[in-house]
């Protein structure tokens, strides 16, 4: 059974940085396109960034130029480097496959951007 374990969230001031990690167990990770998603209170879950099995990346307009997605296939881990954080980035962040969400969502990691 595939498990997704997100970590690295926390409380940060506006303009700060965080690096999120998502460890994936039990899947053919290296051949899967992966995405980072987030869900803010009272809002639907949204796609933030994508990295394909070949390493190509895509970003939501709201995070373009500030966030960087990467992956380490040997560690079966996908990362999200978040810089210049804004209060509107506050959300629970999750990873999963892209385009089709194949696996049960993990617990996510809370990111709170506040002064």
C-alpha atoms as a PDB file:
ATOM      1  CA  UNK A   1       0.000   0.000   0.000  1.00  0.00           C
ATOM      2  CA  UNK A   2       1.320   3.417  -0.965  1.00  0.00           C
ATOM      3  CA  UNK A   3       1.889   5.907   1.826  1.00  0.00           C
ATOM      4  CA  UNK A   4       2.505   9.631   1.460  1.00  0.00           C
ATOM      5  CA  UNK A   5       4.185  11.392   4.374  1.00  0.00           C
ATOM      6  CA  UNK A   6       4.545  15.160   4.181  1.00  0.00           C
ATOM      7  CA  UNK A   7       6.780  17.174   6.490  1.00  0.00           C
ATOM      8  CA  UNK A   8       8.583  20.477   6.824  1.00  0.00           C
ATOM      9  CA  UNK A   9       5.726  22.862   7.471  1.00  0.00           C
ATOM     10  CA  UNK A  10       5.594  25.439  10.223  1.00  0.00           C
ATOM     11  CA  UNK A  11       5.002  29.039  11.151  1.00  0.00           C
ATOM     12  CA  UNK A  12       6.979  31.580   9.176  1.00  0.00           C
ATOM     13  CA  UNK A  13       6.888  35.341   8.756  1.00  0.00           C
ATOM     14  CA  UNK A  14       5.947  36.920   5.435  1.00  0.00           C
ATOM     15  CA  UNK A  15       8.952  36.875   3.142  1.00  0.00           C
ATOM     16  CA  UNK A  16      10.354  33.769   4.793  1.00  0.00           C
ATOM     17  CA  UNK A  17      11.130  30.345   3.375  1.00  0.00           C
ATOM     18  CA  UNK A  18      10.283  26.725   4.050  1.00  0.00           C
ATOM     19  CA  UNK A  19      11.203  23.450   2.397  1.00  0.00           C
ATOM     20  CA  UNK A  20       8.575  20.756   2.343  1.00  0.00           C
ATOM     21  CA  UNK A  21       9.273  17.067   1.820  1.00  0.00           C
ATOM     22  CA  UNK A  22       7.008  14.217   0.807  1.00  0.00           C
ATOM     23  CA  UNK A  23       8.253  10.676   1.255  1.00  0.00           C
ATOM     24  CA  UNK A  24       6.477   8.108  -0.911  1.00  0.00           C
ATOM     25  CA  UNK A  25       6.585   4.446  -0.032  1.00  0.00           C
ATOM     26  CA  UNK A  26       5.290   1.454  -1.914  1.00  0.00           C
ATOM     27  CA  UNK A  27       4.958   2.954  -5.382  1.00  0.00           C
ATOM     28  CA  UNK A  28       6.821   3.031  -8.673  1.00  0.00           C
ATOM     29  CA  UNK A  29       7.852   6.542  -7.732  1.00  0.00           C
ATOM     30  CA  UNK A  30      10.400   7.159 -10.466  1.00  0.00           C
ATOM     31  CA  UNK A  31       7.857   6.740 -13.264  1.00  0.00           C
ATOM     32  CA  UNK A  32       5.118   8.826 -11.720  1.00  0.00           C
ATOM     33  CA  UNK A  33       4.368  12.487 -12.240  1.00  0.00           C
ATOM     34  CA  UNK A  34       4.000  14.103  -8.830  1.00  0.00           C
ATOM     35  CA  UNK A  35       2.280  17.216  -7.595  1.00  0.00           C
ATOM     36  CA  UNK A  36       2.109  19.409  -4.541  1.00  0.00           C
ATOM     37  CA  UNK A  37      -1.370  20.519  -3.598  1.00  0.00           C
ATOM     38  CA  UNK A  38      -2.681  22.801  -0.869  1.00  0.00           C
ATOM     39  CA  UNK A  39      -5.939  23.445   0.895  1.00  0.00           C
ATOM     40  CA  UNK A  40      -6.648  26.641   2.760  1.00  0.00           C
ATOM     41  CA  UNK A  41      -9.442  26.866   5.348  1.00  0.00           C
ATOM     42  CA  UNK A  42     -12.830  27.029   3.656  1.00  0.00           C
ATOM     43  CA  UNK A  43     -11.350  26.509   0.194  1.00  0.00           C
ATOM     44  CA  UNK A  44     -11.006  23.618  -2.206  1.00  0.00           C
ATOM     45  CA  UNK A  45      -7.742  21.787  -2.582  1.00  0.00           C
ATOM     46  CA  UNK A  46      -5.674  23.278  -5.402  1.00  0.00           C
ATOM     47  CA  UNK A  47      -2.667  22.211  -7.407  1.00  0.00           C
ATOM     48  CA  UNK A  48       0.464  24.211  -6.663  1.00  0.00           C
ATOM     49  CA  UNK A  49       3.284  22.560  -8.591  1.00  0.00           C
ATOM     50  CA  UNK A  50       4.000  19.524 -10.740  1.00  0.00           C
ATOM     51  CA  UNK A  51       7.127  17.590 -11.583  1.00  0.00           C
ATOM     52  CA  UNK A  52       7.037  14.895 -14.225  1.00  0.00           C
ATOM     53  CA  UNK A  53       8.999  11.655 -14.185  1.00  0.00           C
ATOM     54  CA  UNK A  54      11.354  13.332 -16.664  1.00  0.00           C
ATOM     55  CA  UNK A  55      11.878  16.319 -14.398  1.00  0.00           C
ATOM     56  CA  UNK A  56       9.767  18.910 -16.188  1.00  0.00           C
ATOM     57  CA  UNK A  57       8.007  21.325 -13.876  1.00  0.00           C
ATOM     58  CA  UNK A  58       4.859  23.444 -13.900  1.00  0.00           C
ATOM     59  CA  UNK A  59       3.564  25.946 -11.374  1.00  0.00           C
ATOM     60  CA  UNK A  60       0.347  27.685 -10.494  1.00  0.00           C
ATOM     61  CA  UNK A  61       0.503  31.366 -11.408  1.00  0.00           C
ATOM     62  CA  UNK A  62       0.167  32.298  -7.750  1.00  0.00           C
ATOM     63  CA  UNK A  63       3.489  30.656  -6.827  1.00  0.00           C
ATOM     64  CA  UNK A  64       5.487  30.984 -10.028  1.00  0.00           C
ATOM     65  CA  UNK A  65       8.907  32.458  -9.363  1.00  0.00           C
ATOM     66  CA  UNK A  66       8.661  31.790  -5.624  1.00  0.00           C
ATOM     67  CA  UNK A  67       8.268  28.010  -5.314  1.00  0.00           C
ATOM     68  CA  UNK A  68      10.482  25.270  -6.735  1.00  0.00           C
ATOM     69  CA  UNK A  69       9.502  21.621  -6.958  1.00  0.00           C
ATOM     70  CA  UNK A  70      12.136  18.902  -7.178  1.00  0.00           C
ATOM     71  CA  UNK A  71      12.455  15.167  -6.674  1.00  0.00           C
ATOM     72  CA  UNK A  72      14.967  12.555  -5.587  1.00  0.00           C
ATOM     73  CA  UNK A  73      14.016   9.232  -7.136  1.00  0.00           C
ATOM     74  CA  UNK A  74      16.561   7.289  -5.090  1.00  0.00           C
ATOM     75  CA  UNK A  75      14.926   8.559  -1.900  1.00  0.00           C
ATOM     76  CA  UNK A  76      11.403   8.409  -3.331  1.00  0.00           C
ATOM     77  CA  UNK A  77      10.909  11.959  -2.122  1.00  0.00           C
ATOM     78  CA  UNK A  78       9.474  15.090  -3.693  1.00  0.00           C
ATOM     79  CA  UNK A  79      10.337  18.535  -2.349  1.00  0.00           C
ATOM     80  CA  UNK A  80       8.813  21.990  -2.453  1.00  0.00           C
ATOM     81  CA  UNK A  81      11.101  24.918  -1.767  1.00  0.00           C
ATOM     82  CA  UNK A  82       8.963  27.914  -0.888  1.00  0.00           C
ATOM     83  CA  UNK A  83      10.501  31.381  -0.841  1.00  0.00           C
ATOM     84  CA  UNK A  84       9.030  34.854  -0.402  1.00  0.00           C
ATOM     85  CA  UNK A  85       6.084  33.378   1.426  1.00  0.00           C
ATOM     86  CA  UNK A  86       2.888  35.379   1.680  1.00  0.00           C
ATOM     87  CA  UNK A  87      -0.033  35.132   4.116  1.00  0.00           C
ATOM     88  CA  UNK A  88      -2.158  33.768   1.280  1.00  0.00           C
ATOM     89  CA  UNK A  89       0.164  30.746   1.086  1.00  0.00           C
ATOM     90  CA  UNK A  90      -1.206  29.611   4.450  1.00  0.00           C
ATOM     91  CA  UNK A  91      -2.681  26.146   3.943  1.00  0.00           C
ATOM     92  CA  UNK A  92      -2.188  22.453   4.536  1.00  0.00           C
ATOM     93  CA  UNK A  93       0.148  21.126   1.859  1.00  0.00           C
ATOM     94  CA  UNK A  94      -0.122  17.648   0.391  1.00  0.00           C
ATOM     95  CA  UNK A  95       1.588  15.646  -2.297  1.00  0.00           C
ATOM     96  CA  UNK A  96       0.093  13.069  -4.623  1.00  0.00           C
ATOM     97  CA  UNK A  97       0.322  11.877  -8.182  1.00  0.00           C
ATOM     98  CA  UNK A  98      -0.613  14.059 -11.150  1.00  0.00           C
ATOM     99  CA  UNK A  99      -2.807  14.235 -13.296  1.00  0.00           C
ATOM    100  CA  UNK A 100      -4.844  11.521 -11.664  1.00  0.00           C
ATOM    101  CA  UNK A 101      -4.721  11.394  -7.887  1.00  0.00           C
ATOM    102  CA  UNK A 102      -3.952   7.729  -7.377  1.00  0.00           C
ATOM    103  CA  UNK A 103      -3.292   7.411  -3.688  1.00  0.00           C
ATOM    104  CA  UNK A 104      -4.967   8.101  -0.377  1.00  0.00           C
ATOM    105  CA  UNK A 105      -4.062  11.555   0.814  1.00  0.00           C
ATOM    106  CA  UNK A 106      -1.504  11.805   3.592  1.00  0.00           C
ATOM    107  CA  UNK A 107      -1.938  13.926   6.676  1.00  0.00           C
ATOM    108  CA  UNK A 108      -0.392  16.935   4.989  1.00  0.00           C
ATOM    109  CA  UNK A 109       1.848  19.531   6.559  1.00  0.00           C
ATOM    110  CA  UNK A 110       0.571  22.863   7.845  1.00  0.00           C
ATOM    111  CA  UNK A 111       2.167  26.050   6.558  1.00  0.00           C
ATOM    112  CA  UNK A 112       1.220  29.256   8.321  1.00  0.00           C
ATOM    113  CA  UNK A 113       2.541  32.587   7.092  1.00  0.00           C
ATOM    114  CA  UNK A 114       1.931  35.303   9.633  1.00  0.00           C
ATOM    115  CA  UNK A 115       3.689  38.122  11.406  1.00  0.00           C
END
